Amino acid sequence: MSYLIDSSMKAIYKKDTLKDPESEDNTYSNFTLKRETEFCCDRFKNFCKKFTVWNYDQGKFVIVDQITYDGHSVQSIDFCPFCGEQIEYEDQNSPKKVKKKKVKTF
């Protein structure tokens, strides 16, 4: 894993669509965080090692939003809770498209 300087954090994941074992016709998506993920700071990297922060259903880092008797709810995050860097989520199966600027000619 590498660290970024003056850039946003890049969370690289792999999306797998799997057959639901409880239903014949349904599928579900599983998002696996890859080792190539570029963390923005040591504090967030160490926090992710100690606590479950990656959500396999959403494909994003999350924090616990509310705890109830029935379970808990989570809120996805787009910024590092420690240093404030923006988190970019990228599917390794479909890399980001590069936008080409159109040049007007007169």
PDB file of N, CA and C in Angstrom:
ATOM      1  N   MET A   1       0.839  -1.169   0.000  1.00  0.00           N
ATOM      2  CA  MET A   1       0.000   0.000   0.000  1.00  0.00           C
ATOM      3  C   MET A   1       0.889   1.238   0.000  1.00  0.00           C
ATOM      4  N   SER A   2       0.422   2.277  -0.627  1.00  0.00           N
ATOM      5  CA  SER A   2       1.206   3.494  -0.699  1.00  0.00           C
ATOM      6  C   SER A   2       0.421   4.656  -0.113  1.00  0.00           C
ATOM      7  N   TYR A   3       1.110   5.774   0.080  1.00  0.00           N
ATOM      8  CA  TYR A   3       0.501   6.966   0.658  1.00  0.00           C
ATOM      9  C   TYR A   3       0.586   8.107  -0.337  1.00  0.00           C
ATOM     10  N   LEU A   4      -0.384   8.973  -0.274  1.00  0.00           N
ATOM     11  CA  LEU A   4      -0.455  10.103  -1.195  1.00  0.00           C
ATOM     12  C   LEU A   4      -0.029  11.382  -0.497  1.00  0.00           C
ATOM     13  N   ILE A   5       0.549  12.280  -1.240  1.00  0.00           N
ATOM     14  CA  ILE A   5       0.897  13.602  -0.729  1.00  0.00           C
ATOM     15  C   ILE A   5       0.171  14.619  -1.582  1.00  0.00           C
ATOM     16  N   ASP A   6      -0.635  15.473  -0.943  1.00  0.00           N
ATOM     17  CA  ASP A   6      -1.379  16.531  -1.630  1.00  0.00           C
ATOM     18  C   ASP A   6      -2.264  15.994  -2.759  1.00  0.00           C
ATOM     19  N   SER A   7      -2.948  14.910  -2.506  1.00  0.00           N
ATOM     20  CA  SER A   7      -3.862  14.354  -3.487  1.00  0.00           C
ATOM     21  C   SER A   7      -4.953  13.605  -2.741  1.00  0.00           C
ATOM     22  N   SER A   8      -5.997  13.223  -3.431  1.00  0.00           N
ATOM     23  CA  SER A   8      -7.079  12.513  -2.755  1.00  0.00           C
ATOM     24  C   SER A   8      -6.717  11.035  -2.590  1.00  0.00           C
ATOM     25  N   MET A   9      -7.332  10.421  -1.610  1.00  0.00           N
ATOM     26  CA  MET A   9      -7.135   9.006  -1.344  1.00  0.00           C
ATOM     27  C   MET A   9      -7.859   8.206  -2.415  1.00  0.00           C
ATOM     28  N   LYS A  10      -7.284   7.079  -2.829  1.00  0.00           N
ATOM     29  CA  LYS A  10      -7.895   6.263  -3.866  1.00  0.00           C
ATOM     30  C   LYS A  10      -8.208   4.876  -3.303  1.00  0.00           C
ATOM     31  N   ALA A  11      -9.498   4.573  -3.145  1.00  0.00           N
ATOM     32  CA  ALA A  11      -9.955   3.274  -2.679  1.00  0.00           C
ATOM     33  C   ALA A  11     -10.262   2.412  -3.897  1.00  0.00           C
ATOM     34  N   ILE A  12      -9.433   1.421  -4.140  1.00  0.00           N
ATOM     35  CA  ILE A  12      -9.600   0.559  -5.304  1.00  0.00           C
ATOM     36  C   ILE A  12     -10.295  -0.720  -4.849  1.00  0.00           C
ATOM     37  N   TYR A  13     -11.397  -1.049  -5.514  1.00  0.00           N
ATOM     38  CA  TYR A  13     -12.160  -2.235  -5.128  1.00  0.00           C
ATOM     39  C   TYR A  13     -12.480  -3.078  -6.356  1.00  0.00           C
ATOM     40  N   LYS A  14     -12.894  -4.305  -6.087  1.00  0.00           N
ATOM     41  CA  LYS A  14     -13.325  -5.203  -7.148  1.00  0.00           C
ATOM     42  C   LYS A  14     -14.780  -5.567  -6.873  1.00  0.00           C
ATOM     43  N   LYS A  15     -15.623  -5.372  -7.879  1.00  0.00           N
ATOM     44  CA  LYS A  15     -17.040  -5.703  -7.747  1.00  0.00           C
ATOM     45  C   LYS A  15     -17.287  -7.077  -8.357  1.00  0.00           C
ATOM     46  N   ASP A  16     -17.860  -7.963  -7.540  1.00  0.00           N
ATOM     47  CA  ASP A  16     -18.237  -9.287  -8.008  1.00  0.00           C
ATOM     48  C   ASP A  16     -19.746  -9.437  -7.881  1.00  0.00           C
ATOM     49  N   THR A  17     -20.383  -9.964  -8.921  1.00  0.00           N
ATOM     50  CA  THR A  17     -21.809 -10.260  -8.865  1.00  0.00           C
ATOM     51  C   THR A  17     -21.940 -11.763  -8.678  1.00  0.00           C
ATOM     52  N   LEU A  18     -22.570 -12.156  -7.568  1.00  0.00           N
ATOM     53  CA  LEU A  18     -22.666 -13.563  -7.194  1.00  0.00           C
ATOM     54  C   LEU A  18     -24.113 -14.014  -7.142  1.00  0.00           C
ATOM     55  N   LYS A  19     -24.333 -15.316  -7.343  1.00  0.00           N
ATOM     56  CA  LYS A  19     -25.679 -15.872  -7.236  1.00  0.00           C
ATOM     57  C   LYS A  19     -26.063 -15.930  -5.768  1.00  0.00           C
ATOM     58  N   ASP A  20     -27.285 -15.563  -5.495  1.00  0.00           N
ATOM     59  CA  ASP A  20     -27.805 -15.614  -4.138  1.00  0.00           C
ATOM     60  C   ASP A  20     -28.119 -17.075  -3.796  1.00  0.00           C
ATOM     61  N   PRO A  21     -27.474 -17.635  -2.758  1.00  0.00           N
ATOM     62  CA  PRO A  21     -27.714 -19.049  -2.435  1.00  0.00           C
ATOM     63  C   PRO A  21     -29.124 -19.328  -1.915  1.00  0.00           C
ATOM     64  N   GLU A  22     -29.823 -18.296  -1.472  1.00  0.00           N
ATOM     65  CA  GLU A  22     -31.170 -18.471  -0.940  1.00  0.00           C
ATOM     66  C   GLU A  22     -32.252 -18.339  -2.009  1.00  0.00           C
ATOM     67  N   SER A  23     -31.863 -17.929  -3.210  1.00  0.00           N
ATOM     68  CA  SER A  23     -32.841 -17.730  -4.284  1.00  0.00           C
ATOM     69  C   SER A  23     -32.229 -18.166  -5.607  1.00  0.00           C
ATOM     70  N   GLU A  24     -33.032 -18.791  -6.455  1.00  0.00           N
ATOM     71  CA  GLU A  24     -32.525 -19.292  -7.732  1.00  0.00           C
ATOM     72  C   GLU A  24     -32.238 -18.183  -8.740  1.00  0.00           C
ATOM     73  N   ASP A  25     -33.081 -17.158  -8.765  1.00  0.00           N
ATOM     74  CA  ASP A  25     -32.993 -16.149  -9.813  1.00  0.00           C
ATOM     75  C   ASP A  25     -32.259 -14.874  -9.399  1.00  0.00           C
ATOM     76  N   ASN A  26     -32.005 -14.670  -8.133  1.00  0.00           N
ATOM     77  CA  ASN A  26     -31.427 -13.412  -7.669  1.00  0.00           C
ATOM     78  C   ASN A  26     -29.908 -13.469  -7.564  1.00  0.00           C
ATOM     79  N   THR A  27     -29.308 -12.298  -7.665  1.00  0.00           N
ATOM     80  CA  THR A  27     -27.870 -12.143  -7.476  1.00  0.00           C
ATOM     81  C   THR A  27     -27.631 -11.004  -6.499  1.00  0.00           C
ATOM     82  N   TYR A  28     -26.399 -10.888  -6.025  1.00  0.00           N
ATOM     83  CA  TYR A  28     -26.025  -9.768  -5.177  1.00  0.00           C
ATOM     84  C   TYR A  28     -24.603  -9.345  -5.517  1.00  0.00           C
ATOM     85  N   SER A  29     -24.252  -8.124  -5.173  1.00  0.00           N
ATOM     86  CA  SER A  29     -22.921  -7.594  -5.457  1.00  0.00           C
ATOM     87  C   SER A  29     -22.072  -7.608  -4.193  1.00  0.00           C
ATOM     88  N   ASN A  30     -20.805  -7.953  -4.379  1.00  0.00           N
ATOM     89  CA  ASN A  30     -19.846  -7.943  -3.291  1.00  0.00           C
ATOM     90  C   ASN A  30     -18.675  -7.063  -3.713  1.00  0.00           C
ATOM     91  N   PHE A  31     -18.361  -6.053  -2.915  1.00  0.00           N
ATOM     92  CA  PHE A  31     -17.280  -5.119  -3.222  1.00  0.00           C
ATOM     93  C   PHE A  31     -16.102  -5.433  -2.297  1.00  0.00           C
ATOM     94  N   THR A  32     -14.972  -5.850  -2.867  1.00  0.00           N
ATOM     95  CA  THR A  32     -13.795  -6.207  -2.083  1.00  0.00           C
ATOM     96  C   THR A  32     -12.736  -5.128  -2.239  1.00  0.00           C
ATOM     97  N   LEU A  33     -12.287  -4.576  -1.114  1.00  0.00           N
ATOM     98  CA  LEU A  33     -11.236  -3.556  -1.121  1.00  0.00           C
ATOM     99  C   LEU A  33      -9.910  -4.214  -1.463  1.00  0.00           C
ATOM    100  N   LYS A  34      -9.185  -3.655  -2.423  1.00  0.00           N
ATOM    101  CA  LYS A  34      -7.935  -4.232  -2.891  1.00  0.00           C
ATOM    102  C   LYS A  34      -6.746  -3.688  -2.106  1.00  0.00           C
ATOM    103  N   ARG A  35      -5.679  -4.469  -2.088  1.00  0.00           N
ATOM    104  CA  ARG A  35      -4.446  -4.064  -1.386  1.00  0.00           C
ATOM    105  C   ARG A  35      -3.798  -2.844  -2.036  1.00  0.00           C
ATOM    106  N   GLU A  36      -4.116  -2.575  -3.286  1.00  0.00           N
ATOM    107  CA  GLU A  36      -3.537  -1.435  -4.000  1.00  0.00           C
ATOM    108  C   GLU A  36      -4.118  -0.100  -3.540  1.00  0.00           C
ATOM    109  N   THR A  37      -5.039  -0.138  -2.590  1.00  0.00           N
ATOM    110  CA  THR A  37      -5.652   1.090  -2.090  1.00  0.00           C
ATOM    111  C   THR A  37      -4.572   2.029  -1.569  1.00  0.00           C
ATOM    112  N   GLU A  38      -4.667   3.290  -1.956  1.00  0.00           N
ATOM    113  CA  GLU A  38      -3.694   4.310  -1.552  1.00  0.00           C
ATOM    114  C   GLU A  38      -4.294   5.133  -0.422  1.00  0.00           C
ATOM    115  N   PHE A  39      -3.826   4.868   0.810  1.00  0.00           N
ATOM    116  CA  PHE A  39      -4.335   5.587   1.969  1.00  0.00           C
ATOM    117  C   PHE A  39      -3.712   6.978   2.046  1.00  0.00           C
ATOM    118  N   CYS A  40      -4.468   7.909   2.621  1.00  0.00           N
ATOM    119  CA  CYS A  40      -4.018   9.293   2.726  1.00  0.00           C
ATOM    120  C   CYS A  40      -3.160   9.528   3.971  1.00  0.00           C
ATOM    121  N   CYS A  41      -3.384   8.729   5.032  1.00  0.00           N
ATOM    122  CA  CYS A  41      -2.618   8.933   6.267  1.00  0.00           C
ATOM    123  C   CYS A  41      -2.522   7.630   7.057  1.00  0.00           C
ATOM    124  N   ASP A  42      -1.518   7.545   7.926  1.00  0.00           N
ATOM    125  CA  ASP A  42      -1.312   6.355   8.749  1.00  0.00           C
ATOM    126  C   ASP A  42      -2.455   6.132   9.727  1.00  0.00           C
ATOM    127  N   ARG A  43      -3.026   7.195  10.244  1.00  0.00           N
ATOM    128  CA  ARG A  43      -4.101   7.049  11.236  1.00  0.00           C
ATOM    129  C   ARG A  43      -5.301   6.308  10.642  1.00  0.00           C
ATOM    130  N   PHE A  44      -5.700   6.672   9.415  1.00  0.00           N
ATOM    131  CA  PHE A  44      -6.839   6.004   8.782  1.00  0.00           C
ATOM    132  C   PHE A  44      -6.484   4.561   8.424  1.00  0.00           C
ATOM    133  N   LYS A  45      -5.267   4.321   7.940  1.00  0.00           N
ATOM    134  CA  LYS A  45      -4.841   2.972   7.600  1.00  0.00           C
ATOM    135  C   LYS A  45      -4.869   2.075   8.839  1.00  0.00           C
ATOM    136  N   ASN A  46      -4.333   2.552   9.945  1.00  0.00           N
ATOM    137  CA  ASN A  46      -4.316   1.775  11.186  1.00  0.00           C
ATOM    138  C   ASN A  46      -5.725   1.570  11.738  1.00  0.00           C
ATOM    139  N   PHE A  47      -6.581   2.585  11.603  1.00  0.00           N
ATOM    140  CA  PHE A  47      -7.971   2.476  12.042  1.00  0.00           C
ATOM    141  C   PHE A  47      -8.691   1.371  11.258  1.00  0.00           C
ATOM    142  N   CYS A  48      -8.430   1.302   9.957  1.00  0.00           N
ATOM    143  CA  CYS A  48      -9.069   0.289   9.106  1.00  0.00           C
ATOM    144  C   CYS A  48      -8.594  -1.118   9.456  1.00  0.00           C
ATOM    145  N   LYS A  49      -7.367  -1.239   9.975  1.00  0.00           N
ATOM    146  CA  LYS A  49      -6.860  -2.546  10.392  1.00  0.00           C
ATOM    147  C   LYS A  49      -7.540  -3.025  11.665  1.00  0.00           C
ATOM    148  N   LYS A  50      -7.896  -2.097  12.550  1.00  0.00           N
ATOM    149  CA  LYS A  50      -8.469  -2.454  13.848  1.00  0.00           C
ATOM    150  C   LYS A  50      -9.975  -2.628  13.814  1.00  0.00           C
ATOM    151  N   PHE A  51     -10.650  -1.869  12.968  1.00  0.00           N
ATOM    152  CA  PHE A  51     -12.109  -1.859  12.952  1.00  0.00           C
ATOM    153  C   PHE A  51     -12.631  -2.143  11.548  1.00  0.00           C
ATOM    154  N   THR A  52     -13.832  -2.698  11.470  1.00  0.00           N
ATOM    155  CA  THR A  52     -14.469  -2.941  10.180  1.00  0.00           C
ATOM    156  C   THR A  52     -15.014  -1.615   9.665  1.00  0.00           C
ATOM    157  N   VAL A  53     -14.343  -1.070   8.674  1.00  0.00           N
ATOM    158  CA  VAL A  53     -14.720   0.231   8.130  1.00  0.00           C
ATOM    159  C   VAL A  53     -15.212   0.092   6.692  1.00  0.00           C
ATOM    160  N   TRP A  54     -14.768  -0.940   5.982  1.00  0.00           N
ATOM    161  CA  TRP A  54     -15.166  -1.158   4.593  1.00  0.00           C
ATOM    162  C   TRP A  54     -16.499  -1.895   4.563  1.00  0.00           C
ATOM    163  N   ASN A  55     -17.431  -1.394   3.750  1.00  0.00           N
ATOM    164  CA  ASN A  55     -18.737  -2.019   3.613  1.00  0.00           C
ATOM    165  C   ASN A  55     -18.760  -2.803   2.306  1.00  0.00           C
ATOM    166  N   TYR A  56     -18.878  -4.122   2.393  1.00  0.00           N
ATOM    167  CA  TYR A  56     -18.855  -4.993   1.216  1.00  0.00           C
ATOM    168  C   TYR A  56     -20.121  -4.885   0.385  1.00  0.00           C
ATOM    169  N   ASP A  57     -21.204  -4.388   0.975  1.00  0.00           N
ATOM    170  CA  ASP A  57     -22.461  -4.237   0.231  1.00  0.00           C
ATOM    171  C   ASP A  57     -22.493  -2.950  -0.584  1.00  0.00           C
ATOM    172  N   GLN A  58     -21.912  -1.876  -0.042  1.00  0.00           N
ATOM    173  CA  GLN A  58     -21.954  -0.570  -0.704  1.00  0.00           C
ATOM    174  C   GLN A  58     -20.696  -0.272  -1.512  1.00  0.00           C
ATOM    175  N   GLY A  59     -19.579  -0.892  -1.159  1.00  0.00           N
ATOM    176  CA  GLY A  59     -18.318  -0.597  -1.833  1.00  0.00           C
ATOM    177  C   GLY A  59     -17.761   0.748  -1.416  1.00  0.00           C
ATOM    178  N   LYS A  60     -17.950   1.097  -0.132  1.00  0.00           N
ATOM    179  CA  LYS A  60     -17.445   2.368   0.398  1.00  0.00           C
ATOM    180  C   LYS A  60     -17.015   2.188   1.843  1.00  0.00           C
ATOM    181  N   PHE A  61     -16.167   3.121   2.301  1.00  0.00           N
ATOM    182  CA  PHE A  61     -15.852   3.179   3.717  1.00  0.00           C
ATOM    183  C   PHE A  61     -17.076   3.738   4.436  1.00  0.00           C
ATOM    184  N   VAL A  62     -17.358   3.227   5.635  1.00  0.00           N
ATOM    185  CA  VAL A  62     -18.538   3.662   6.373  1.00  0.00           C
ATOM    186  C   VAL A  62     -18.195   3.866   7.853  1.00  0.00           C
ATOM    187  N   ILE A  63     -19.054   4.617   8.519  1.00  0.00           N
ATOM    188  CA  ILE A  63     -19.002   4.748   9.968  1.00  0.00           C
ATOM    189  C   ILE A  63     -20.376   4.355  10.510  1.00  0.00           C
ATOM    190  N   VAL A  64     -20.408   3.863  11.743  1.00  0.00           N
ATOM    191  CA  VAL A  64     -21.683   3.483  12.350  1.00  0.00           C
ATOM    192  C   VAL A  64     -22.453   4.754  12.659  1.00  0.00           C
ATOM    193  N   ASP A  65     -23.673   4.819  12.148  1.00  0.00           N
ATOM    194  CA  ASP A  65     -24.508   6.001  12.294  1.00  0.00           C
ATOM    195  C   ASP A  65     -25.421   5.884  13.506  1.00  0.00           C
ATOM    196  N   GLN A  66     -26.035   4.707  13.666  1.00  0.00           N
ATOM    197  CA  GLN A  66     -27.008   4.530  14.741  1.00  0.00           C
ATOM    198  C   GLN A  66     -27.005   3.073  15.180  1.00  0.00           C
ATOM    199  N   ILE A  67     -27.066   2.853  16.495  1.00  0.00           N
ATOM    200  CA  ILE A  67     -27.127   1.508  17.052  1.00  0.00           C
ATOM    201  C   ILE A  67     -28.492   1.324  17.707  1.00  0.00           C
ATOM    202  N   THR A  68     -29.166   0.221  17.341  1.00  0.00           N
ATOM    203  CA  THR A  68     -30.478  -0.088  17.908  1.00  0.00           C
ATOM    204  C   THR A  68     -30.457  -1.526  18.424  1.00  0.00           C
ATOM    205  N   TYR A  69     -31.542  -1.955  19.023  1.00  0.00           N
ATOM    206  CA  TYR A  69     -31.648  -3.336  19.484  1.00  0.00           C
ATOM    207  C   TYR A  69     -31.648  -4.323  18.325  1.00  0.00           C
ATOM    208  N   ASP A  70     -32.121  -3.878  17.176  1.00  0.00           N
ATOM    209  CA  ASP A  70     -32.195  -4.746  15.996  1.00  0.00           C
ATOM    210  C   ASP A  70     -30.885  -4.828  15.229  1.00  0.00           C
ATOM    211  N   GLY A  71     -29.943  -3.964  15.501  1.00  0.00           N
ATOM    212  CA  GLY A  71     -28.679  -3.934  14.765  1.00  0.00           C
ATOM    213  C   GLY A  71     -28.121  -2.534  14.738  1.00  0.00           C
ATOM    214  N   HIS A  72     -27.544  -2.163  13.607  1.00  0.00           N
ATOM    215  CA  HIS A  72     -26.992  -0.820  13.469  1.00  0.00           C
ATOM    216  C   HIS A  72     -27.128  -0.361  12.017  1.00  0.00           C
ATOM    217  N   SER A  73     -27.051   0.946  11.835  1.00  0.00           N
ATOM    218  CA  SER A  73     -27.064   1.511  10.491  1.00  0.00           C
ATOM    219  C   SER A  73     -25.734   2.217  10.278  1.00  0.00           C
ATOM    220  N   VAL A  74     -25.318   2.282   9.019  1.00  0.00           N
ATOM    221  CA  VAL A  74     -24.038   2.896   8.693  1.00  0.00           C
ATOM    222  C   VAL A  74     -24.231   4.049   7.718  1.00  0.00           C
ATOM    223  N   GLN A  75     -23.267   4.949   7.713  1.00  0.00           N
ATOM    224  CA  GLN A  75     -23.262   6.098   6.803  1.00  0.00           C
ATOM    225  C   GLN A  75     -21.962   6.052   6.009  1.00  0.00           C
ATOM    226  N   SER A  76     -22.059   6.076   4.678  1.00  0.00           N
ATOM    227  CA  SER A  76     -20.842   6.056   3.864  1.00  0.00           C
ATOM    228  C   SER A  76     -20.122   7.393   3.986  1.00  0.00           C
ATOM    229  N   ILE A  77     -18.799   7.352   3.840  1.00  0.00           N
ATOM    230  CA  ILE A  77     -18.000   8.576   3.950  1.00  0.00           C
ATOM    231  C   ILE A  77     -17.214   8.795   2.668  1.00  0.00           C
ATOM    232  N   ASP A  78     -17.051  10.048   2.303  1.00  0.00           N
ATOM    233  CA  ASP A  78     -16.287  10.425   1.117  1.00  0.00           C
ATOM    234  C   ASP A  78     -15.025  11.202   1.469  1.00  0.00           C
ATOM    235  N   PHE A  79     -14.784  11.402   2.765  1.00  0.00           N
ATOM    236  CA  PHE A  79     -13.599  12.122   3.228  1.00  0.00           C
ATOM    237  C   PHE A  79     -12.988  11.369   4.404  1.00  0.00           C
ATOM    238  N   CYS A  80     -11.674  11.399   4.535  1.00  0.00           N
ATOM    239  CA  CYS A  80     -10.981  10.761   5.643  1.00  0.00           C
ATOM    240  C   CYS A  80     -11.390  11.445   6.942  1.00  0.00           C
ATOM    241  N   PRO A  81     -11.782  10.671   7.975  1.00  0.00           N
ATOM    242  CA  PRO A  81     -12.184  11.287   9.238  1.00  0.00           C
ATOM    243  C   PRO A  81     -11.013  11.871  10.026  1.00  0.00           C
ATOM    244  N   PHE A  82      -9.782  11.593   9.622  1.00  0.00           N
ATOM    245  CA  PHE A  82      -8.617  12.067  10.364  1.00  0.00           C
ATOM    246  C   PHE A  82      -7.933  13.260   9.712  1.00  0.00           C
ATOM    247  N   CYS A  83      -7.697  13.189   8.400  1.00  0.00           N
ATOM    248  CA  CYS A  83      -6.979  14.297   7.748  1.00  0.00           C
ATOM    249  C   CYS A  83      -7.856  15.104   6.796  1.00  0.00           C
ATOM    250  N   GLY A  84      -9.078  14.615   6.487  1.00  0.00           N
ATOM    251  CA  GLY A  84     -10.003  15.378   5.655  1.00  0.00           C
ATOM    252  C   GLY A  84      -9.822  15.221   4.161  1.00  0.00           C
ATOM    253  N   GLU A  85      -8.880  14.367   3.730  1.00  0.00           N
ATOM    254  CA  GLU A  85      -8.676  14.171   2.290  1.00  0.00           C
ATOM    255  C   GLU A  85      -9.903  13.484   1.672  1.00  0.00           C
ATOM    256  N   GLN A  86     -10.213  13.843   0.439  1.00  0.00           N
ATOM    257  CA  GLN A  86     -11.333  13.225  -0.267  1.00  0.00           C
ATOM    258  C   GLN A  86     -10.971  11.794  -0.649  1.00  0.00           C
ATOM    259  N   ILE A  87     -11.946  10.883  -0.550  1.00  0.00           N
ATOM    260  CA  ILE A  87     -11.751   9.488  -0.925  1.00  0.00           C
ATOM    261  C   ILE A  87     -12.376   9.265  -2.295  1.00  0.00           C
ATOM    262  N   GLU A  88     -11.562   8.831  -3.248  1.00  0.00           N
ATOM    263  CA  GLU A  88     -12.060   8.477  -4.578  1.00  0.00           C
ATOM    264  C   GLU A  88     -12.227   6.969  -4.626  1.00  0.00           C
ATOM    265  N   TYR A  89     -13.398   6.518  -5.053  1.00  0.00           N
ATOM    266  CA  TYR A  89     -13.680   5.093  -5.162  1.00  0.00           C
ATOM    267  C   TYR A  89     -13.543   4.681  -6.617  1.00  0.00           C
ATOM    268  N   GLU A  90     -12.744   3.632  -6.868  1.00  0.00           N
ATOM    269  CA  GLU A  90     -12.494   3.210  -8.243  1.00  0.00           C
ATOM    270  C   GLU A  90     -12.619   1.691  -8.362  1.00  0.00           C
ATOM    271  N   ASP A  91     -13.474   1.249  -9.279  1.00  0.00           N
ATOM    272  CA  ASP A  91     -13.642  -0.173  -9.552  1.00  0.00           C
ATOM    273  C   ASP A  91     -12.501  -0.623 -10.463  1.00  0.00           C
ATOM    274  N   GLN A  92     -11.748  -1.625 -10.038  1.00  0.00           N
ATOM    275  CA  GLN A  92     -10.617  -2.077 -10.852  1.00  0.00           C
ATOM    276  C   GLN A  92     -11.069  -2.708 -12.154  1.00  0.00           C
ATOM    277  N   ASN A  93     -12.314  -3.166 -12.227  1.00  0.00           N
ATOM    278  CA  ASN A  93     -12.832  -3.761 -13.458  1.00  0.00           C
ATOM    279  C   ASN A  93     -13.233  -2.709 -14.486  1.00  0.00           C
ATOM    280  N   SER A  94     -13.526  -1.516 -14.044  1.00  0.00           N
ATOM    281  CA  SER A  94     -13.882  -0.445 -14.980  1.00  0.00           C
ATOM    282  C   SER A  94     -13.174   0.831 -14.545  1.00  0.00           C
ATOM    283  N   PRO A  95     -11.934   1.015 -15.000  1.00  0.00           N
ATOM    284  CA  PRO A  95     -11.173   2.207 -14.636  1.00  0.00           C
ATOM    285  C   PRO A  95     -11.868   3.482 -15.085  1.00  0.00           C
ATOM    286  N   LYS A  96     -11.504   4.576 -14.424  1.00  0.00           N
ATOM    287  CA  LYS A  96     -12.119   5.867 -14.749  1.00  0.00           C
ATOM    288  C   LYS A  96     -11.882   6.238 -16.197  1.00  0.00           C
ATOM    289  N   LYS A  97     -12.905   6.818 -16.772  1.00  0.00           N
ATOM    290  CA  LYS A  97     -12.792   7.299 -18.140  1.00  0.00           C
ATOM    291  C   LYS A  97     -12.140   8.673 -18.132  1.00  0.00           C
ATOM    292  N   VAL A  98     -11.251   8.888 -19.051  1.00  0.00           N
ATOM    293  CA  VAL A  98     -10.604  10.184 -19.172  1.00  0.00           C
ATOM    294  C   VAL A  98     -11.432  11.037 -20.116  1.00  0.00           C
ATOM    295  N   LYS A  99     -11.840  12.191 -19.604  1.00  0.00           N
ATOM    296  CA  LYS A  99     -12.640  13.085 -20.438  1.00  0.00           C
ATOM    297  C   LYS A  99     -11.724  13.874 -21.361  1.00  0.00           C
ATOM    298  N   LYS A 100     -12.093  13.892 -22.619  1.00  0.00           N
ATOM    299  CA  LYS A 100     -11.328  14.661 -23.593  1.00  0.00           C
ATOM    300  C   LYS A 100     -12.044  15.977 -23.821  1.00  0.00           C
ATOM    301  N   LYS A 101     -11.276  17.039 -23.804  1.00  0.00           N
ATOM    302  CA  LYS A 101     -11.860  18.354 -24.042  1.00  0.00           C
ATOM    303  C   LYS A 101     -11.973  18.582 -25.545  1.00  0.00           C
ATOM    304  N   LYS A 102     -13.115  19.115 -25.930  1.00  0.00           N
ATOM    305  CA  LYS A 102     -13.307  19.437 -27.339  1.00  0.00           C
ATOM    306  C   LYS A 102     -12.745  20.830 -27.585  1.00  0.00           C
ATOM    307  N   VAL A 103     -12.046  20.957 -28.650  1.00  0.00           N
ATOM    308  CA  VAL A 103     -11.462  22.240 -29.024  1.00  0.00           C
ATOM    309  C   VAL A 103     -12.310  22.846 -30.127  1.00  0.00           C
ATOM    310  N   LYS A 104     -12.747  24.072 -29.880  1.00  0.00           N
ATOM    311  CA  LYS A 104     -13.561  24.754 -30.888  1.00  0.00           C
ATOM    312  C   LYS A 104     -12.639  25.401 -31.922  1.00  0.00           C
ATOM    313  N   THR A 105     -12.975  25.236 -33.145  1.00  0.00           N
ATOM    314  CA  THR A 105     -12.214  25.883 -34.213  1.00  0.00           C
ATOM    315  C   THR A 105     -13.133  26.899 -34.898  1.00  0.00           C
ATOM    316  N   PHE A 106     -12.570  28.005 -35.252  1.00  0.00           N
ATOM    317  CA  PHE A 106     -13.337  29.070 -35.887  1.00  0.00           C
ATOM    318  C   PHE A 106     -12.928  29.244 -37.310  1.00  0.00           C
TER     319      PHE A 106
END
